[in-house]
């Protein structure tokens, strides 16, 4: 039986007063998802059983990657006119495979059209390699963006077999390893002369 949660103490209700309308950028959304991921990982390290939070944790990681990819792609679109713009609706709008490929295409176009230092090019390749490994692991577990959200697919079949098991530490470590790349792509490219923050 589930333990009933007590109502929020009336003296603490002020803590729940959120200005959600102030979250107007992709990075505002991203940072809130990342904050929850960090909190969950810390709780798991401090003895919260992984099987009580694994599905929401994987969903949050997957969704934050989608947000980060979209933020970067939308920032790069104005400087890469030859690359088709993404749509924010439709099946590809939630596909990590599609978004990662489009992000990679943007970076390859930038490398071709701008003088990017060899050190930055090399670092980009390393991060893209780690990002690709992370994307592939998530795709294996959740290629349609349903498995972490629902127990069954659209036909009513279970998304995972009874004995499906995955150690999530590698996914989490890869997620953390790509953070500097995902979050600071625009700042690095600004320093490389690709664009300014006013764009």
N, C-alpha and C. Protein backbone atom coordinates (compact mmCIF):
# COMPACT_ATOMS: atom_id res chain seq x y z
N UNK A 1 0.84 -1.19 0.00
CA UNK A 1 0.00 0.00 0.00
C UNK A 1 0.88 1.24 0.00
N UNK A 2 0.48 2.22 -0.77
CA UNK A 2 1.23 3.47 -0.83
C UNK A 2 1.00 4.30 0.42
N UNK A 3 2.06 4.89 0.91
CA UNK A 3 1.94 5.81 2.04
C UNK A 3 1.32 7.10 1.53
N UNK A 4 0.34 7.60 2.24
CA UNK A 4 -0.32 8.83 1.85
C UNK A 4 0.58 10.02 2.15
N UNK A 5 0.76 10.86 1.16
CA UNK A 5 1.58 12.06 1.33
C UNK A 5 0.78 13.11 2.09
N UNK A 6 1.39 13.70 3.07
CA UNK A 6 0.72 14.77 3.80
C UNK A 6 0.58 16.00 2.92
N UNK A 7 -0.47 16.78 3.11
CA UNK A 7 -0.58 18.02 2.34
C UNK A 7 0.57 18.97 2.69
N UNK A 8 0.85 19.87 1.79
CA UNK A 8 1.91 20.84 2.03
C UNK A 8 1.51 21.73 3.19
N UNK A 9 2.44 21.90 4.11
CA UNK A 9 2.22 22.73 5.28
C UNK A 9 1.85 24.15 4.82
N UNK A 10 0.76 24.68 5.35
CA UNK A 10 0.30 26.01 4.93
C UNK A 10 1.35 27.09 5.16
N UNK A 11 2.23 26.88 6.14
CA UNK A 11 3.29 27.86 6.40
C UNK A 11 4.41 27.78 5.34
N UNK A 12 4.42 26.71 4.54
CA UNK A 12 5.46 26.54 3.53
C UNK A 12 4.92 26.67 2.11
N UNK A 13 3.65 27.01 1.97
CA UNK A 13 3.07 27.13 0.63
C UNK A 13 3.79 28.18 -0.21
N UNK A 14 4.33 29.20 0.42
CA UNK A 14 5.03 30.25 -0.31
C UNK A 14 6.21 29.69 -1.10
N UNK A 15 6.80 28.57 -0.64
CA UNK A 15 7.92 27.97 -1.34
C UNK A 15 7.53 27.41 -2.71
N UNK A 16 6.23 27.23 -2.92
CA UNK A 16 5.75 26.62 -4.16
C UNK A 16 5.20 27.65 -5.15
N UNK A 17 5.37 28.91 -4.84
CA UNK A 17 4.90 29.99 -5.71
C UNK A 17 5.94 30.20 -6.81
N UNK A 18 5.65 29.68 -8.01
CA UNK A 18 6.63 29.68 -9.10
C UNK A 18 6.24 30.66 -10.20
N UNK A 19 7.20 31.44 -10.64
CA UNK A 19 7.00 32.33 -11.79
C UNK A 19 7.32 31.56 -13.06
N UNK A 20 6.47 30.59 -13.38
CA UNK A 20 6.76 29.72 -14.52
C UNK A 20 6.77 30.47 -15.84
N UNK A 21 6.10 31.59 -15.92
CA UNK A 21 6.08 32.37 -17.15
C UNK A 21 7.40 33.03 -17.48
N UNK A 22 8.30 33.09 -16.53
CA UNK A 22 9.61 33.70 -16.78
C UNK A 22 10.58 32.76 -17.49
N UNK A 23 10.17 31.51 -17.65
CA UNK A 23 11.00 30.53 -18.36
C UNK A 23 10.72 30.64 -19.85
N UNK A 24 11.42 31.54 -20.50
CA UNK A 24 11.10 31.86 -21.89
C UNK A 24 12.11 31.33 -22.90
N UNK A 25 13.16 30.66 -22.46
CA UNK A 25 14.14 30.16 -23.42
C UNK A 25 14.28 28.65 -23.30
N UNK A 26 14.84 28.08 -24.35
CA UNK A 26 15.13 26.64 -24.34
C UNK A 26 16.06 26.31 -23.19
N UNK A 27 17.01 27.21 -22.88
CA UNK A 27 17.98 26.93 -21.82
C UNK A 27 17.35 27.03 -20.44
N UNK A 28 16.32 27.85 -20.25
CA UNK A 28 15.60 27.86 -18.97
C UNK A 28 15.01 26.47 -18.72
N UNK A 29 14.35 25.95 -19.74
CA UNK A 29 13.75 24.62 -19.62
C UNK A 29 14.83 23.57 -19.37
N UNK A 30 15.88 23.64 -20.19
CA UNK A 30 16.97 22.68 -20.07
C UNK A 30 17.53 22.66 -18.64
N UNK A 31 17.82 23.84 -18.11
CA UNK A 31 18.46 23.91 -16.79
C UNK A 31 17.57 23.35 -15.69
N UNK A 32 16.24 23.51 -15.83
CA UNK A 32 15.36 22.94 -14.80
C UNK A 32 15.35 21.42 -14.87
N UNK A 33 15.32 20.86 -16.08
CA UNK A 33 15.40 19.40 -16.20
C UNK A 33 16.73 18.90 -15.66
N UNK A 34 17.81 19.58 -15.99
CA UNK A 34 19.14 19.18 -15.52
C UNK A 34 19.22 19.23 -14.00
N UNK A 35 18.61 20.25 -13.40
CA UNK A 35 18.60 20.37 -11.93
C UNK A 35 17.94 19.15 -11.29
N UNK A 36 16.82 18.70 -11.86
CA UNK A 36 16.12 17.53 -11.32
C UNK A 36 16.95 16.27 -11.53
N UNK A 37 17.60 16.16 -12.69
CA UNK A 37 18.47 15.01 -12.96
C UNK A 37 19.58 14.95 -11.92
N UNK A 38 20.23 16.08 -11.68
CA UNK A 38 21.31 16.13 -10.69
C UNK A 38 20.82 15.68 -9.32
N UNK A 39 19.65 16.17 -8.94
CA UNK A 39 19.08 15.81 -7.64
C UNK A 39 18.78 14.32 -7.56
N UNK A 40 18.24 13.77 -8.62
CA UNK A 40 17.93 12.33 -8.63
C UNK A 40 19.20 11.48 -8.55
N UNK A 41 20.22 11.87 -9.31
CA UNK A 41 21.48 11.12 -9.29
C UNK A 41 22.09 11.16 -7.90
N UNK A 42 22.09 12.33 -7.28
CA UNK A 42 22.60 12.44 -5.90
C UNK A 42 21.81 11.55 -4.96
N UNK A 43 20.49 11.53 -5.11
CA UNK A 43 19.66 10.69 -4.24
C UNK A 43 19.93 9.20 -4.45
N UNK A 44 20.17 8.81 -5.71
CA UNK A 44 20.50 7.41 -5.98
C UNK A 44 21.83 7.05 -5.33
N UNK A 45 22.81 7.94 -5.46
CA UNK A 45 24.11 7.70 -4.81
C UNK A 45 23.96 7.63 -3.29
N UNK A 46 22.94 8.29 -2.74
CA UNK A 46 22.70 8.28 -1.30
C UNK A 46 21.61 7.30 -0.89
N UNK A 47 21.43 6.26 -1.70
CA UNK A 47 20.59 5.10 -1.35
C UNK A 47 19.13 5.13 -1.78
N UNK A 48 18.70 6.05 -2.63
CA UNK A 48 17.38 5.88 -3.23
C UNK A 48 17.50 4.73 -4.23
N UNK A 49 16.66 3.70 -4.12
CA UNK A 49 16.77 2.57 -5.05
C UNK A 49 16.52 3.02 -6.50
N UNK A 50 17.43 2.64 -7.40
CA UNK A 50 17.35 3.04 -8.80
C UNK A 50 16.02 2.64 -9.42
N UNK A 51 15.48 1.49 -9.04
CA UNK A 51 14.24 1.03 -9.67
C UNK A 51 13.00 1.81 -9.23
N UNK A 52 13.17 2.75 -8.30
CA UNK A 52 12.03 3.60 -7.94
C UNK A 52 12.01 4.88 -8.76
N UNK A 53 13.10 5.16 -9.50
CA UNK A 53 13.17 6.41 -10.25
C UNK A 53 13.79 6.26 -11.65
N UNK A 54 14.14 5.05 -12.07
CA UNK A 54 14.89 4.87 -13.31
C UNK A 54 14.15 5.39 -14.55
N UNK A 55 12.87 5.13 -14.66
CA UNK A 55 12.13 5.57 -15.85
C UNK A 55 12.01 7.09 -15.93
N UNK A 56 11.59 7.78 -14.86
CA UNK A 56 11.58 9.24 -14.95
C UNK A 56 12.97 9.82 -15.16
N UNK A 57 13.99 9.23 -14.55
CA UNK A 57 15.35 9.73 -14.73
C UNK A 57 15.76 9.63 -16.20
N UNK A 58 15.52 8.49 -16.82
CA UNK A 58 15.89 8.32 -18.23
C UNK A 58 15.06 9.24 -19.12
N UNK A 59 13.78 9.42 -18.78
CA UNK A 59 12.95 10.35 -19.56
C UNK A 59 13.51 11.77 -19.45
N UNK A 60 13.86 12.19 -18.24
CA UNK A 60 14.39 13.54 -18.04
C UNK A 60 15.71 13.74 -18.80
N UNK A 61 16.58 12.74 -18.77
CA UNK A 61 17.84 12.83 -19.51
C UNK A 61 17.55 12.96 -21.00
N UNK A 62 16.69 12.08 -21.50
CA UNK A 62 16.37 12.09 -22.91
C UNK A 62 15.74 13.43 -23.32
N UNK A 63 14.80 13.91 -22.51
CA UNK A 63 14.12 15.15 -22.86
C UNK A 63 15.05 16.35 -22.76
N UNK A 64 15.93 16.36 -21.77
CA UNK A 64 16.86 17.49 -21.66
C UNK A 64 17.80 17.52 -22.86
N UNK A 65 18.20 16.35 -23.37
CA UNK A 65 19.03 16.31 -24.58
C UNK A 65 18.27 16.88 -25.77
N UNK A 66 17.00 16.53 -25.87
CA UNK A 66 16.17 17.10 -26.94
C UNK A 66 16.14 18.62 -26.84
N UNK A 67 15.94 19.14 -25.65
CA UNK A 67 15.92 20.59 -25.44
C UNK A 67 17.26 21.23 -25.81
N UNK A 68 18.35 20.63 -25.36
CA UNK A 68 19.68 21.17 -25.65
C UNK A 68 20.01 21.13 -27.13
N UNK A 69 19.64 20.04 -27.81
CA UNK A 69 19.88 19.96 -29.25
C UNK A 69 19.07 21.02 -29.99
N UNK A 70 17.81 21.16 -29.63
CA UNK A 70 16.97 22.17 -30.29
C UNK A 70 17.52 23.58 -30.05
N UNK A 71 17.94 23.87 -28.83
CA UNK A 71 18.48 25.19 -28.52
C UNK A 71 19.69 25.50 -29.40
N UNK A 72 20.58 24.53 -29.54
CA UNK A 72 21.78 24.73 -30.35
C UNK A 72 21.45 24.83 -31.84
N UNK A 73 20.57 23.98 -32.31
CA UNK A 73 20.19 24.01 -33.73
C UNK A 73 19.56 25.35 -34.08
N UNK A 74 18.64 25.81 -33.25
CA UNK A 74 17.97 27.09 -33.52
C UNK A 74 18.96 28.25 -33.50
N UNK A 75 19.99 28.15 -32.66
CA UNK A 75 21.03 29.19 -32.62
C UNK A 75 21.89 29.15 -33.89
N UNK A 76 22.13 27.95 -34.42
CA UNK A 76 22.99 27.79 -35.59
C UNK A 76 22.28 28.04 -36.92
N UNK A 77 20.97 27.92 -36.94
CA UNK A 77 20.24 28.08 -38.21
C UNK A 77 20.52 29.40 -38.93
N UNK A 78 20.58 30.54 -38.24
CA UNK A 78 20.82 31.80 -38.95
C UNK A 78 22.19 31.89 -39.64
N UNK A 79 23.20 31.17 -39.14
CA UNK A 79 24.52 31.24 -39.77
C UNK A 79 24.75 30.14 -40.80
N UNK A 80 23.81 29.20 -40.87
CA UNK A 80 23.91 28.08 -41.82
C UNK A 80 22.66 28.05 -42.69
N UNK A 81 22.49 29.05 -43.52
CA UNK A 81 21.29 29.15 -44.35
C UNK A 81 21.07 27.95 -45.25
N UNK A 82 22.12 27.24 -45.61
CA UNK A 82 22.00 26.09 -46.50
C UNK A 82 21.45 24.85 -45.83
N UNK A 83 21.40 24.85 -44.51
CA UNK A 83 20.87 23.68 -43.78
C UNK A 83 19.39 23.91 -43.51
N UNK A 84 18.58 22.94 -43.91
CA UNK A 84 17.13 23.07 -43.74
C UNK A 84 16.78 23.26 -42.26
N UNK A 85 15.84 24.18 -42.01
CA UNK A 85 15.42 24.47 -40.64
C UNK A 85 14.60 23.31 -40.08
N UNK A 86 14.70 23.14 -38.77
CA UNK A 86 13.90 22.10 -38.12
C UNK A 86 12.49 22.62 -37.90
N UNK A 87 11.56 21.68 -37.80
CA UNK A 87 10.18 22.00 -37.45
C UNK A 87 9.99 21.62 -35.99
N UNK A 88 9.17 22.36 -35.30
CA UNK A 88 8.93 22.09 -33.88
C UNK A 88 7.72 21.20 -33.66
N UNK A 89 7.22 20.62 -34.74
CA UNK A 89 6.12 19.65 -34.65
C UNK A 89 6.41 18.52 -35.61
N UNK A 90 5.68 17.42 -35.46
CA UNK A 90 5.89 16.26 -36.31
C UNK A 90 6.79 15.24 -35.64
N UNK A 91 6.91 14.07 -36.26
CA UNK A 91 7.63 12.95 -35.64
C UNK A 91 9.12 13.26 -35.43
N UNK A 92 9.75 13.96 -36.36
CA UNK A 92 11.18 14.26 -36.20
C UNK A 92 11.47 15.28 -35.11
N UNK A 93 10.45 16.02 -34.70
CA UNK A 93 10.68 17.07 -33.70
C UNK A 93 11.07 16.49 -32.34
N UNK A 94 10.82 15.22 -32.11
CA UNK A 94 11.18 14.58 -30.84
C UNK A 94 12.23 13.49 -31.00
N UNK A 95 12.72 13.31 -32.21
CA UNK A 95 13.68 12.24 -32.49
C UNK A 95 15.10 12.69 -32.16
N UNK A 96 15.73 12.04 -31.19
CA UNK A 96 17.11 12.35 -30.87
C UNK A 96 18.02 12.05 -32.05
N UNK A 97 17.70 10.98 -32.78
CA UNK A 97 18.49 10.63 -33.96
C UNK A 97 18.49 11.79 -34.96
N UNK A 98 17.30 12.26 -35.29
CA UNK A 98 17.16 13.34 -36.27
C UNK A 98 17.83 14.62 -35.76
N UNK A 99 17.55 14.99 -34.52
CA UNK A 99 18.10 16.23 -33.97
C UNK A 99 19.62 16.17 -33.86
N UNK A 100 20.15 15.02 -33.46
CA UNK A 100 21.60 14.87 -33.39
C UNK A 100 22.22 14.98 -34.78
N UNK A 101 21.61 14.33 -35.76
CA UNK A 101 22.12 14.42 -37.14
C UNK A 101 22.09 15.85 -37.65
N UNK A 102 21.03 16.58 -37.35
CA UNK A 102 20.92 17.96 -37.80
C UNK A 102 21.96 18.84 -37.08
N UNK A 103 22.14 18.60 -35.79
CA UNK A 103 23.15 19.34 -35.02
C UNK A 103 24.54 19.08 -35.60
N UNK A 104 24.84 17.82 -35.88
CA UNK A 104 26.12 17.45 -36.47
C UNK A 104 26.31 18.11 -37.83
N UNK A 105 25.26 18.12 -38.63
CA UNK A 105 25.32 18.78 -39.95
C UNK A 105 25.64 20.27 -39.79
N UNK A 106 25.01 20.91 -38.83
CA UNK A 106 25.30 22.32 -38.57
C UNK A 106 26.76 22.52 -38.19
N UNK A 107 27.28 21.67 -37.32
CA UNK A 107 28.67 21.81 -36.89
C UNK A 107 29.63 21.54 -38.05
N UNK A 108 29.32 20.56 -38.87
CA UNK A 108 30.17 20.28 -40.04
C UNK A 108 30.14 21.46 -41.01
N UNK A 109 28.99 22.08 -41.17
CA UNK A 109 28.86 23.25 -42.05
C UNK A 109 29.66 24.41 -41.49
N UNK A 110 29.61 24.61 -40.18
CA UNK A 110 30.39 25.67 -39.54
C UNK A 110 31.89 25.41 -39.75
N UNK A 111 32.32 24.15 -39.57
CA UNK A 111 33.73 23.83 -39.75
C UNK A 111 34.18 24.08 -41.19
N UNK A 112 33.27 23.87 -42.13
CA UNK A 112 33.60 24.08 -43.54
C UNK A 112 33.63 25.56 -43.91
N UNK A 113 32.74 26.35 -43.33
CA UNK A 113 32.56 27.75 -43.74
C UNK A 113 33.31 28.77 -42.89
N UNK A 114 33.83 28.35 -41.74
CA UNK A 114 34.49 29.29 -40.84
C UNK A 114 35.86 28.74 -40.45
N UNK A 115 36.72 29.63 -40.07
CA UNK A 115 38.05 29.23 -39.62
C UNK A 115 37.99 28.87 -38.14
N UNK A 116 37.80 27.61 -37.88
CA UNK A 116 37.72 27.10 -36.52
C UNK A 116 39.08 26.49 -36.18
N UNK A 117 39.61 26.82 -35.02
CA UNK A 117 40.93 26.33 -34.63
C UNK A 117 40.95 24.80 -34.59
N UNK A 118 42.11 24.24 -34.84
CA UNK A 118 42.24 22.78 -34.85
C UNK A 118 41.94 22.19 -33.47
N UNK A 119 42.27 22.91 -32.40
CA UNK A 119 41.98 22.43 -31.05
C UNK A 119 40.46 22.32 -30.83
N UNK A 120 39.72 23.34 -31.24
CA UNK A 120 38.26 23.32 -31.09
C UNK A 120 37.65 22.24 -31.98
N UNK A 121 38.14 22.09 -33.20
CA UNK A 121 37.65 21.03 -34.10
C UNK A 121 37.84 19.65 -33.44
N UNK A 122 39.00 19.45 -32.86
CA UNK A 122 39.30 18.17 -32.22
C UNK A 122 38.39 17.94 -31.01
N UNK A 123 38.19 18.97 -30.20
CA UNK A 123 37.30 18.84 -29.04
C UNK A 123 35.86 18.57 -29.49
N UNK A 124 35.43 19.24 -30.55
CA UNK A 124 34.08 19.00 -31.06
C UNK A 124 33.90 17.55 -31.47
N UNK A 125 34.90 16.99 -32.13
CA UNK A 125 34.84 15.59 -32.57
C UNK A 125 34.75 14.63 -31.37
N UNK A 126 35.51 14.92 -30.33
CA UNK A 126 35.47 14.07 -29.13
C UNK A 126 34.09 14.13 -28.48
N UNK A 127 33.56 15.35 -28.32
CA UNK A 127 32.23 15.49 -27.72
C UNK A 127 31.15 14.85 -28.58
N UNK A 128 31.23 15.03 -29.89
CA UNK A 128 30.25 14.41 -30.78
C UNK A 128 30.30 12.90 -30.70
N UNK A 129 31.49 12.35 -30.53
CA UNK A 129 31.64 10.91 -30.38
C UNK A 129 30.95 10.42 -29.10
N UNK A 130 31.19 11.14 -27.98
CA UNK A 130 30.52 10.78 -26.72
C UNK A 130 29.01 10.96 -26.84
N UNK A 131 28.60 12.04 -27.49
CA UNK A 131 27.18 12.31 -27.66
C UNK A 131 26.53 11.21 -28.49
N UNK A 132 27.22 10.77 -29.53
CA UNK A 132 26.70 9.70 -30.39
C UNK A 132 26.52 8.41 -29.59
N UNK A 133 27.50 8.09 -28.75
CA UNK A 133 27.40 6.89 -27.91
C UNK A 133 26.21 6.99 -26.96
N UNK A 134 26.00 8.16 -26.37
CA UNK A 134 24.86 8.37 -25.48
C UNK A 134 23.55 8.24 -26.24
N UNK A 135 23.46 8.90 -27.38
CA UNK A 135 22.27 8.84 -28.22
C UNK A 135 21.95 7.40 -28.60
N UNK A 136 22.97 6.62 -28.97
CA UNK A 136 22.77 5.23 -29.37
C UNK A 136 22.25 4.38 -28.21
N UNK A 137 22.79 4.62 -27.01
CA UNK A 137 22.32 3.87 -25.84
C UNK A 137 20.86 4.18 -25.54
N UNK A 138 20.51 5.46 -25.61
CA UNK A 138 19.12 5.85 -25.36
C UNK A 138 18.21 5.32 -26.46
N UNK A 139 18.69 5.37 -27.69
CA UNK A 139 17.89 4.89 -28.82
C UNK A 139 17.60 3.39 -28.68
N UNK A 140 18.59 2.64 -28.22
CA UNK A 140 18.41 1.20 -28.02
C UNK A 140 17.29 0.93 -27.00
N UNK A 141 17.22 1.75 -25.97
CA UNK A 141 16.21 1.56 -24.93
C UNK A 141 14.87 2.22 -25.25
N UNK A 142 14.90 3.29 -26.06
CA UNK A 142 13.69 4.11 -26.22
C UNK A 142 13.67 4.83 -27.57
N UNK A 143 13.65 4.05 -28.66
CA UNK A 143 13.79 4.70 -29.96
C UNK A 143 12.59 5.54 -30.35
N UNK A 144 11.43 5.26 -29.84
CA UNK A 144 10.25 6.03 -30.22
C UNK A 144 9.83 7.09 -29.23
N UNK A 145 10.62 7.31 -28.20
CA UNK A 145 10.30 8.27 -27.15
C UNK A 145 9.04 7.91 -26.39
N UNK A 146 8.77 6.60 -26.25
CA UNK A 146 7.61 6.13 -25.50
C UNK A 146 8.00 5.26 -24.30
N UNK A 147 9.10 4.52 -24.44
CA UNK A 147 9.41 3.48 -23.46
C UNK A 147 9.63 3.98 -22.04
N UNK A 148 10.13 5.19 -21.90
CA UNK A 148 10.34 5.73 -20.54
C UNK A 148 9.07 6.38 -20.00
N UNK A 149 8.06 6.55 -20.86
CA UNK A 149 6.83 7.22 -20.44
C UNK A 149 5.66 6.28 -20.22
N UNK A 150 5.61 5.18 -20.99
CA UNK A 150 4.45 4.28 -20.95
C UNK A 150 4.92 2.83 -20.85
N UNK A 151 4.13 1.97 -20.21
CA UNK A 151 4.53 0.56 -20.10
C UNK A 151 4.36 -0.23 -21.40
N UNK A 152 3.49 0.26 -22.30
CA UNK A 152 3.22 -0.48 -23.53
C UNK A 152 3.37 0.44 -24.74
N UNK A 153 3.55 -0.17 -25.91
CA UNK A 153 3.62 0.60 -27.14
C UNK A 153 2.21 0.86 -27.67
N UNK A 154 2.11 1.45 -28.85
CA UNK A 154 0.80 1.83 -29.39
C UNK A 154 -0.06 0.61 -29.74
N UNK A 155 0.54 -0.59 -29.79
CA UNK A 155 -0.22 -1.82 -30.06
C UNK A 155 -0.60 -2.54 -28.76
N UNK A 156 -0.16 -1.99 -27.63
CA UNK A 156 -0.47 -2.62 -26.35
C UNK A 156 0.56 -3.64 -25.89
N UNK A 157 1.66 -3.78 -26.63
CA UNK A 157 2.72 -4.72 -26.25
C UNK A 157 3.67 -4.04 -25.27
N UNK A 158 4.17 -4.83 -24.31
CA UNK A 158 5.11 -4.27 -23.33
C UNK A 158 6.35 -3.71 -24.03
N UNK A 159 6.82 -2.57 -23.55
CA UNK A 159 8.00 -1.95 -24.12
C UNK A 159 9.28 -2.69 -23.74
N UNK A 160 9.30 -3.29 -22.57
CA UNK A 160 10.47 -4.04 -22.11
C UNK A 160 10.03 -5.44 -21.72
N UNK A 161 10.90 -6.42 -21.99
CA UNK A 161 10.62 -7.77 -21.50
C UNK A 161 10.85 -7.78 -19.99
N UNK A 162 10.29 -8.77 -19.34
CA UNK A 162 10.36 -8.87 -17.88
C UNK A 162 11.79 -8.84 -17.37
N UNK A 163 12.71 -9.44 -18.10
CA UNK A 163 14.09 -9.55 -17.63
C UNK A 163 15.03 -8.47 -18.20
N UNK A 164 14.48 -7.42 -18.82
CA UNK A 164 15.33 -6.34 -19.33
C UNK A 164 16.03 -5.66 -18.16
N UNK A 165 17.33 -5.54 -18.32
CA UNK A 165 18.14 -4.95 -17.25
C UNK A 165 19.20 -4.06 -17.89
N UNK A 166 19.46 -2.92 -17.29
CA UNK A 166 20.44 -1.97 -17.83
C UNK A 166 21.09 -1.23 -16.66
N UNK A 167 22.41 -1.21 -16.64
CA UNK A 167 23.11 -0.39 -15.66
C UNK A 167 23.16 1.02 -16.24
N UNK A 168 22.52 1.95 -15.57
CA UNK A 168 22.35 3.30 -16.10
C UNK A 168 23.54 4.22 -15.83
N UNK A 169 24.55 3.73 -15.11
CA UNK A 169 25.69 4.59 -14.77
C UNK A 169 26.43 5.08 -16.01
N UNK A 170 26.56 4.25 -17.04
CA UNK A 170 27.27 4.70 -18.24
C UNK A 170 26.49 5.79 -18.97
N UNK A 171 25.17 5.64 -19.02
CA UNK A 171 24.33 6.68 -19.64
C UNK A 171 24.49 7.99 -18.87
N UNK A 172 24.43 7.91 -17.56
CA UNK A 172 24.54 9.11 -16.71
C UNK A 172 25.92 9.75 -16.89
N UNK A 173 26.98 8.93 -16.88
CA UNK A 173 28.33 9.46 -17.06
C UNK A 173 28.51 10.12 -18.43
N UNK A 174 27.98 9.51 -19.48
CA UNK A 174 28.04 10.12 -20.81
C UNK A 174 27.26 11.43 -20.83
N UNK A 175 26.10 11.43 -20.19
CA UNK A 175 25.28 12.65 -20.11
C UNK A 175 26.08 13.79 -19.48
N UNK A 176 26.75 13.50 -18.37
CA UNK A 176 27.54 14.53 -17.72
C UNK A 176 28.78 14.92 -18.54
N UNK A 177 29.35 13.96 -19.26
CA UNK A 177 30.56 14.26 -20.02
C UNK A 177 30.30 15.23 -21.17
N UNK A 178 29.08 15.25 -21.71
CA UNK A 178 28.80 16.14 -22.85
C UNK A 178 28.24 17.50 -22.42
N UNK A 179 28.03 17.71 -21.14
CA UNK A 179 27.43 18.96 -20.68
C UNK A 179 28.18 20.21 -21.14
N UNK A 180 29.51 20.28 -21.00
CA UNK A 180 30.20 21.50 -21.45
C UNK A 180 29.96 21.77 -22.94
N UNK A 181 29.97 20.73 -23.73
CA UNK A 181 29.76 20.86 -25.18
C UNK A 181 28.35 21.35 -25.48
N UNK A 182 27.37 20.70 -24.89
CA UNK A 182 25.98 21.03 -25.18
C UNK A 182 25.64 22.45 -24.73
N UNK A 183 26.07 22.82 -23.55
CA UNK A 183 25.69 24.10 -22.97
C UNK A 183 26.49 25.27 -23.54
N UNK A 184 27.75 25.04 -23.90
CA UNK A 184 28.61 26.16 -24.29
C UNK A 184 28.98 26.19 -25.77
N UNK A 185 28.27 25.46 -26.61
CA UNK A 185 28.57 25.47 -28.04
C UNK A 185 28.53 26.89 -28.59
N UNK A 186 27.47 27.64 -28.27
CA UNK A 186 27.36 28.99 -28.83
C UNK A 186 28.47 29.91 -28.32
N UNK A 187 28.86 29.78 -27.06
CA UNK A 187 29.93 30.62 -26.52
C UNK A 187 31.27 30.31 -27.20
N UNK A 188 31.54 29.03 -27.41
CA UNK A 188 32.79 28.64 -28.08
C UNK A 188 32.80 29.15 -29.52
N UNK A 189 31.68 28.98 -30.22
CA UNK A 189 31.62 29.44 -31.61
C UNK A 189 31.64 30.96 -31.69
N UNK A 190 31.14 31.62 -30.69
CA UNK A 190 31.25 33.08 -30.62
C UNK A 190 32.73 33.47 -30.56
N UNK A 191 33.47 32.80 -29.69
CA UNK A 191 34.91 33.08 -29.56
C UNK A 191 35.66 32.76 -30.85
N UNK A 192 35.13 31.82 -31.62
CA UNK A 192 35.77 31.45 -32.89
C UNK A 192 35.31 32.35 -34.03
N UNK A 193 34.44 33.34 -33.74
CA UNK A 193 34.02 34.31 -34.74
C UNK A 193 32.87 33.90 -35.62
N UNK A 194 32.15 32.83 -35.22
CA UNK A 194 31.02 32.37 -36.04
C UNK A 194 29.83 33.31 -35.93
N UNK A 195 29.51 33.70 -34.71
CA UNK A 195 28.41 34.65 -34.49
C UNK A 195 28.57 35.32 -33.15
N UNK A 196 27.72 36.31 -32.93
CA UNK A 196 27.71 37.02 -31.66
C UNK A 196 26.46 36.65 -30.86
N UNK A 197 26.45 37.01 -29.62
CA UNK A 197 25.31 36.68 -28.75
C UNK A 197 24.06 37.46 -29.13
N UNK A 198 24.20 38.52 -29.91
CA UNK A 198 23.02 39.31 -30.27
C UNK A 198 22.15 38.61 -31.31
N UNK A 199 22.66 37.56 -31.94
CA UNK A 199 21.88 36.87 -32.98
C UNK A 199 20.80 36.02 -32.39
